[in-house]
Protein backbone atom coordinates (compact mmCIF):
# COMPACT_ATOMS: atom_id res chain seq x y z
CA VAL A 1 0.02 -0.02 0.02
CA ILE A 2 1.32 3.40 -1.03
CA GLY A 3 -0.02 6.11 1.33
CA LYS A 4 -0.11 9.95 1.11
CA GLY A 5 -1.41 12.64 3.45
CA MET A 6 -1.13 11.40 6.94
CA THR A 7 2.05 13.02 8.27
CA PRO A 8 1.96 13.32 12.06
CA PRO A 9 1.71 16.93 13.32
CA GLN A 10 4.80 18.58 14.67
CA ARG A 11 2.73 20.14 17.45
CA ILE A 12 -0.83 19.97 18.71
CA LEU A 13 -2.45 23.47 18.71
CA PHE A 14 -5.40 22.40 20.85
CA PRO A 15 -5.24 19.29 23.06
CA PRO A 16 -8.26 17.02 22.32
CA GLU A 17 -8.56 15.99 25.97
CA LYS A 18 -9.67 19.59 26.78
CA ILE A 19 -12.81 19.23 24.64
CA CYS A 20 -15.99 18.71 26.63
CA MET A 21 -18.75 17.09 24.54
CA ASP A 22 -21.57 17.58 27.14
CA TRP A 23 -22.97 20.97 28.11
CA ARG A 24 -21.17 22.37 31.15
CA GLN A 25 -24.32 24.34 32.12
CA LYS A 26 -27.92 23.34 31.49
CA ARG A 27 -30.25 26.28 30.76
CA ARG A 28 -33.34 27.19 28.77
CA PRO A 29 -32.82 28.02 25.08
CA GLY A 30 -31.33 31.44 24.21
CA ALA A 31 -32.64 34.30 22.02
CA GLY A 32 -33.97 34.25 18.45
CA LEU A 33 -32.21 36.23 15.75
CA TYR A 34 -33.63 39.16 13.76
CA ASN A 35 -33.55 38.81 10.04
CA LEU A 36 -31.70 41.91 8.84
CA GLY A 37 -32.65 41.88 5.18
CA SER A 38 -32.15 38.45 3.63
CA THR A 39 -30.11 36.89 6.46
CA CYS A 40 -32.08 33.74 7.40
CA TYR A 41 -29.16 31.68 5.89
CA LEU A 42 -26.66 33.00 8.40
CA ASN A 43 -29.15 33.00 11.30
CA VAL A 44 -29.57 29.20 11.05
CA ILE A 45 -25.84 28.57 11.00
CA LEU A 46 -25.25 30.90 13.96
CA GLN A 47 -27.97 28.99 15.87
CA CYS A 48 -26.61 25.50 14.99
CA LEU A 49 -23.07 26.54 15.99
CA THR A 50 -24.39 28.15 19.25
CA TYR A 51 -26.00 24.80 20.17
CA THR A 52 -22.91 22.67 19.29
CA PRO A 53 -21.96 21.68 22.88
CA PRO A 54 -18.14 21.34 22.57
CA LEU A 55 -17.86 24.68 20.58
CA ALA A 56 -20.23 26.60 22.94
CA ASN A 57 -18.34 25.24 26.05
CA TYR A 58 -15.07 26.56 24.54
CA LEU A 59 -16.47 29.88 23.43
CA LEU A 60 -18.23 30.51 26.81
CA SER A 61 -14.92 29.87 28.60
CA ARG A 62 -13.47 32.94 26.78
CA GLN A 63 -10.24 30.94 26.21
CA HIS A 64 -9.75 32.49 22.84
CA SER A 65 -10.34 36.17 23.42
CA ARG A 66 -8.18 36.24 26.55
CA PHE A 67 -5.10 35.39 24.50
CA CYS A 68 -6.17 36.84 21.04
CA ARG A 69 -3.55 39.10 19.44
CA GLN A 70 -5.50 39.54 16.23
CA GLN A 71 -5.81 43.12 14.90
CA GLY A 72 -9.25 43.88 13.36
CA PHE A 73 -11.51 41.03 12.25
CA CYS A 74 -11.41 37.82 14.27
CA MET A 75 -14.18 35.26 13.72
CA MET A 76 -13.44 33.50 16.98
CA CYS A 77 -13.91 36.69 19.03
CA ILE A 78 -17.14 37.48 17.09
CA MET A 79 -18.54 34.01 17.77
CA GLU A 80 -17.47 34.16 21.37
CA ALA A 81 -19.35 37.38 21.91
CA HIS A 82 -22.36 36.18 19.81
CA VAL A 83 -22.82 32.87 21.75
CA ARG A 84 -22.60 34.69 25.11
CA LYS A 85 -25.16 37.21 23.90
CA VAL A 86 -27.65 34.58 22.58
CA LEU A 87 -27.37 32.21 25.54
CA TYR A 88 -27.30 34.85 28.37
CA SER A 89 -29.66 37.38 26.89
CA SER A 90 -32.97 38.18 28.62
CA ALA A 91 -34.32 39.47 25.31
CA THR A 92 -36.43 37.07 23.18
CA ALA A 93 -34.45 38.06 20.05
CA ILE A 94 -31.17 39.82 19.27
CA ARG A 95 -29.49 41.35 16.16
CA PRO A 96 -26.37 39.58 15.00
CA ARG A 97 -24.81 42.94 14.11
CA ALA A 98 -21.14 42.03 14.44
CA VAL A 99 -21.53 39.12 11.97
CA ILE A 100 -23.44 41.31 9.53
CA ARG A 101 -20.78 44.09 9.77
CA ASP A 102 -17.97 41.77 8.99
CA LEU A 103 -19.79 39.60 6.37
CA LYS A 104 -17.26 40.61 3.57
CA PHE A 105 -14.43 39.09 5.65
CA ILE A 106 -16.31 35.78 6.09
CA GLY A 107 -17.08 35.28 2.40
CA GLU A 108 -18.78 36.67 -0.61
CA PHE A 109 -22.05 37.60 1.20
CA LYS A 110 -24.14 40.73 1.41
CA PRO A 111 -26.93 41.27 3.95
CA ASP A 112 -29.57 42.15 1.38
CA ILE A 113 -28.86 39.29 -1.03
CA PRO A 114 -30.05 35.75 -0.11
CA GLY A 115 -27.16 33.37 0.57
CA ASP A 116 -26.75 29.67 1.01
CA ALA A 117 -26.59 28.23 4.55
CA TYR A 118 -24.02 25.46 3.59
CA GLU A 119 -21.68 27.97 2.02
CA PHE A 120 -22.05 30.30 5.01
CA LEU A 121 -21.23 27.32 7.37
CA ARG A 122 -18.07 26.46 5.42
CA CYS A 123 -16.90 30.07 5.24
CA THR A 124 -17.61 30.61 8.92
CA LEU A 125 -15.65 27.50 10.01
CA ASN A 126 -12.79 28.50 7.67
CA ALA A 127 -12.79 32.00 9.16
CA MET A 128 -12.71 30.52 12.67
CA GLN A 129 -9.88 28.22 11.56
CA ARG A 130 -7.88 31.19 10.22
CA ALA A 131 -8.41 32.97 13.51
CA CYS A 132 -7.10 29.95 15.45
CA LEU A 133 -3.99 29.92 13.24
CA SER A 134 -3.17 33.61 13.66
CA GLY A 135 0.27 33.70 15.23
CA SER A 136 1.04 30.05 14.19
CA SER A 137 0.76 30.32 10.42
CA ASP A 138 4.27 28.90 10.09
CA SER A 139 2.95 25.51 11.31
CA ASP A 140 3.09 22.44 9.06
CA VAL A 141 -0.22 21.44 7.45
CA SER A 142 -0.74 18.51 9.85
CA SER A 143 -0.35 20.82 12.91
CA GLN A 144 -2.84 23.33 11.38
CA GLU A 145 -5.36 20.42 11.47
CA THR A 146 -5.14 20.30 15.23
CA THR A 147 -6.95 23.57 16.07
CA ILE A 148 -10.17 23.51 18.21
CA ILE A 149 -12.14 23.76 14.95
CA HIS A 150 -10.56 20.63 13.48
CA GLN A 151 -10.59 18.83 16.89
CA ILE A 152 -14.43 19.35 16.94
CA PHE A 153 -15.56 19.21 13.29
CA GLY A 154 -12.58 17.62 11.59
CA GLY A 155 -12.10 14.11 10.38
CA PHE A 156 -10.11 12.35 7.67
CA LEU A 157 -11.39 10.63 4.53
CA ARG A 158 -9.35 7.89 2.88
CA SER A 159 -9.48 7.44 -0.89
CA ARG A 160 -8.26 3.92 -1.67
CA VAL A 161 -7.43 3.70 -5.36
CA THR A 162 -6.64 0.19 -6.73
CA CYS A 163 -4.90 -0.05 -10.10
CA LEU A 164 -6.85 -2.55 -12.13
CA SER A 165 -3.65 -3.48 -14.10
CA CYS A 166 -1.09 -4.32 -11.39
CA LYS A 167 -3.50 -4.36 -8.36
CA THR A 168 -1.30 -1.91 -6.45
CA VAL A 169 -3.25 -0.05 -3.80
CA HIS A 170 -2.74 3.71 -3.30
CA ASP A 171 -4.16 5.39 -0.21
CA PHE A 172 -4.81 9.16 -0.11
CA TYR A 173 -5.87 10.96 3.04
CA LYS A 174 -7.71 14.28 3.25
CA ALA A 175 -8.97 16.31 6.21
CA PHE A 176 -12.62 17.37 6.11
CA LEU A 177 -14.89 19.60 8.22
CA ASP A 178 -18.17 18.41 6.64
CA VAL A 179 -19.43 15.73 4.29
CA LEU A 180 -21.39 16.57 1.13
CA LEU A 181 -23.72 13.74 0.09
CA LYS A 182 -25.48 13.23 -3.24
CA ILE A 183 -29.12 12.31 -2.51
CA LYS A 184 -30.53 11.60 -5.97
CA GLY A 185 -32.21 8.22 -5.65
CA ALA A 186 -31.45 7.96 -1.96
CA SER A 187 -34.41 7.51 0.36
CA SER A 188 -32.41 7.88 3.53
CA LEU A 189 -29.19 9.26 5.03
CA THR A 190 -27.84 5.70 5.44
CA THR A 191 -28.50 4.94 1.77
CA ALA A 192 -26.73 8.18 0.79
CA LEU A 193 -23.81 7.23 3.02
CA GLN A 194 -23.75 3.72 1.56
CA ASP A 195 -23.54 5.24 -1.88
CA PHE A 196 -20.75 7.61 -0.76
CA VAL A 197 -18.52 4.57 0.26
CA THR A 198 -19.47 2.37 -2.68
CA PRO A 199 -16.40 1.69 -4.88
CA LYS A 200 -16.41 3.76 -8.14
CA GLN A 201 -14.70 2.88 -11.43
CA MET A 202 -12.16 5.44 -12.64
CA ASP A 203 -11.81 5.12 -16.36
CA GLY A 204 -12.08 7.29 -19.45
CA ARG A 205 -11.11 10.85 -18.62
CA ARG A 206 -10.82 10.10 -14.96
CA CYS A 207 -7.89 7.71 -15.54
CA PHE A 208 -5.46 7.32 -12.67
CA LYS A 209 -1.69 7.60 -13.05
CA CYS A 210 -0.35 4.44 -11.29
CA SER A 211 3.11 5.07 -9.75
CA LYS A 212 4.00 1.40 -10.32
CA CYS A 213 2.73 1.06 -13.94
CA LYS A 214 4.19 4.51 -14.74
CA LYS A 215 1.15 5.29 -16.94
CA LYS A 216 -2.53 6.23 -16.80
CA VAL A 217 -4.63 3.14 -16.05
CA ALA A 218 -8.18 2.19 -15.25
CA ALA A 219 -8.66 2.04 -11.46
CA CYS A 220 -11.26 1.56 -8.77
CA LYS A 221 -11.70 4.16 -6.02
CA ARG A 222 -13.37 3.77 -2.69
CA VAL A 223 -13.79 6.63 -0.20
CA THR A 224 -14.25 5.89 3.59
CA VAL A 225 -14.24 7.86 6.83
CA HIS A 226 -10.79 7.03 8.17
CA HIS A 227 -10.85 9.20 11.24
CA ALA A 228 -14.35 10.07 12.49
CA PRO A 229 -14.98 13.61 13.67
CA ARG A 230 -16.43 14.46 17.15
CA VAL A 231 -19.14 16.41 15.42
CA LEU A 232 -20.33 15.20 12.02
CA THR A 233 -21.87 17.80 9.77
CA VAL A 234 -23.66 16.46 6.69
CA CYS A 235 -25.01 18.47 3.70
CA LEU A 236 -27.64 16.70 1.65
CA ALA A 237 -26.95 18.16 -1.79
CA ARG A 238 -30.38 19.47 -2.88
CA ALA A 239 -29.19 21.24 -6.01
CA ASP A 240 -29.26 19.06 -9.11
CA ASP A 241 -25.71 19.01 -10.74
CA ARG A 242 -27.01 19.46 -14.23
CA THR A 243 -30.08 21.63 -13.96
CA SER A 244 -29.39 23.38 -10.59
CA ARG A 245 -33.09 22.65 -9.80
CA LYS A 246 -33.89 21.78 -6.22
CA ILE A 247 -34.23 18.13 -5.34
CA SER A 248 -37.16 18.10 -2.97
CA GLN A 249 -37.38 14.42 -2.13
CA VAL A 250 -37.73 13.18 1.38
CA VAL A 251 -34.51 11.75 2.79
CA GLU A 252 -35.07 10.05 6.14
CA TYR A 253 -32.46 10.57 8.85
CA PRO A 254 -32.17 8.98 12.29
CA GLU A 255 -31.87 10.57 15.73
CA CYS A 256 -29.03 8.05 16.40
CA LEU A 257 -26.56 7.27 13.69
CA ASP A 258 -23.90 4.55 13.67
CA LEU A 259 -21.07 5.77 11.38
CA ARG A 260 -19.13 2.50 11.74
CA PRO A 261 -20.30 0.83 8.42
CA TYR A 262 -18.92 3.82 6.41
CA THR A 263 -15.48 3.84 7.98
CA SER A 264 -12.12 2.23 6.86
CA ASP A 265 -12.64 -0.32 9.64
CA PRO A 266 -16.32 -1.27 9.29
CA ALA A 267 -16.05 -4.30 11.61
CA GLY A 268 -15.10 -2.30 14.74
CA GLU A 269 -17.21 -1.20 17.67
CA PRO A 270 -20.28 0.99 16.86
CA LEU A 271 -19.51 4.66 16.35
CA LEU A 272 -22.62 6.34 17.62
CA TYR A 273 -23.74 9.84 16.93
CA SER A 274 -26.74 11.77 18.24
CA LEU A 275 -28.61 14.39 16.18
CA TYR A 276 -28.60 17.87 17.72
CA ALA A 277 -29.44 20.28 14.86
CA VAL A 278 -31.14 20.37 11.51
CA VAL A 279 -31.34 23.12 8.89
CA VAL A 280 -34.34 23.11 6.62
CA HIS A 281 -34.74 24.99 3.30
CA THR A 282 -38.29 25.73 2.03
CA GLY A 283 -39.02 26.99 -1.46
CA HIS A 284 -39.03 25.43 -4.92
CA THR A 285 -35.65 26.74 -6.11
CA CYS A 286 -32.23 26.69 -4.45
CA LEU A 287 -31.67 30.47 -4.92
CA GLY A 288 -34.83 31.74 -3.29
CA GLY A 289 -36.91 30.38 -0.43
CA HIS A 290 -36.25 30.49 3.37
CA PHE A 291 -34.06 28.75 5.90
CA PHE A 292 -35.07 27.79 9.47
CA CYS A 293 -33.60 25.22 11.86
CA TYR A 294 -34.25 22.88 14.75
CA THR A 295 -31.78 22.69 17.62
CA LYS A 296 -31.49 20.72 20.86
CA ALA A 297 -30.83 23.12 23.74
CA SER A 298 -28.74 22.27 26.77
CA ASN A 299 -31.93 21.36 28.70
CA GLY A 300 -32.33 18.34 26.29
CA GLN A 301 -35.42 19.92 24.65
CA TRP A 302 -35.82 20.49 20.86
CA TYR A 303 -36.77 23.92 19.53
CA LYS A 304 -37.76 25.28 16.17
CA MET A 305 -35.70 28.39 15.49
CA ASN A 306 -37.17 30.59 12.76
CA ASP A 307 -35.38 33.98 12.81
CA VAL A 308 -36.91 35.74 15.86
CA SER A 309 -39.16 32.92 16.97
CA VAL A 310 -37.97 30.05 19.29
CA ASP A 311 -40.69 27.47 19.89
CA SER A 312 -40.39 24.08 21.56
CA CYS A 313 -41.25 21.01 19.52
CA CYS A 314 -40.96 17.22 19.69
CA ILE A 315 -38.41 14.93 18.06
CA HIS A 316 -41.00 13.55 15.68
CA THR A 317 -41.35 16.98 14.12
CA VAL A 318 -37.60 17.33 13.86
CA LEU A 319 -37.26 13.97 12.12
CA GLY A 320 -40.00 14.70 9.58
CA GLN A 321 -38.33 17.61 7.79
CA GLN A 322 -36.95 18.15 4.26
CA ALA A 323 -33.48 18.46 5.74
CA TYR A 324 -30.58 20.35 4.05
CA LEU A 325 -27.95 20.18 6.83
CA LEU A 326 -27.65 17.61 9.63
CA PHE A 327 -25.46 18.02 12.72
CA TYR A 328 -24.59 14.96 14.76
CA ALA A 329 -22.36 14.74 17.86
CA ARG A 330 -20.60 11.71 19.32
């Protein structure tokens, strides 16, 4: 087996044993968020991140801002202030002004133009990652993948490519912060995950250059979760690749997910995850419509969060949605 992409880090930027997966404090849910133009896409992501226990625990401890040397924009400091404001506020709703003010630093977003929740999630995590690296940008790539962000949301995928001529196996490893799943023809999350790890033929234009055969060959590629994240974020790709139309089919998802069958070692102990947040998109096209979410607060109750409104609901309601993003914690 020829392997690439799993160099041990020279240093650990955030020790994993300091991560607390359970809420340190139990409380009622926090405030709703005002929609300041067309900002429902960012409201849902801010709410889902606020109710991600290991991230909230870290942000509420103010460990970042106490030692932050960043001049100007810092996504970690913004999130720290935002989570405190939401969870400790006596108001029923607050305005996420700091996030709106610095939108241009997070990604290509404008408050009055509708955005995509998945893109905003990716850009926000990347901005938080950059903030964690400020002052240690000289680190090797493997060390950069040991920040609090990677320790919570990060895992590794293994692409195992087998040359069909000489049967040599090549392994490629890649860090990820979320998993994007194709859902066309998939009736459930587990079917979509099964499809994700099903071996695919690489031939024609996708030919693979085998280092042993020294030429482009037909090959077989299989992607598996090699190192499972503490928090698994899944995007169900609802935009059709060819037409960009919205795929509105129902994809069932469980409250408890065993990720073990989709890993590089499918025979090991069960790898159990529990659902704690769901983002829903309503509307017939991907460009318009509206985003709202369901989150599980620290008191163990589920709430529907739709901009300013925060209403309690039951798990059956949560599991019956046309989900776009799913958040699972170990």
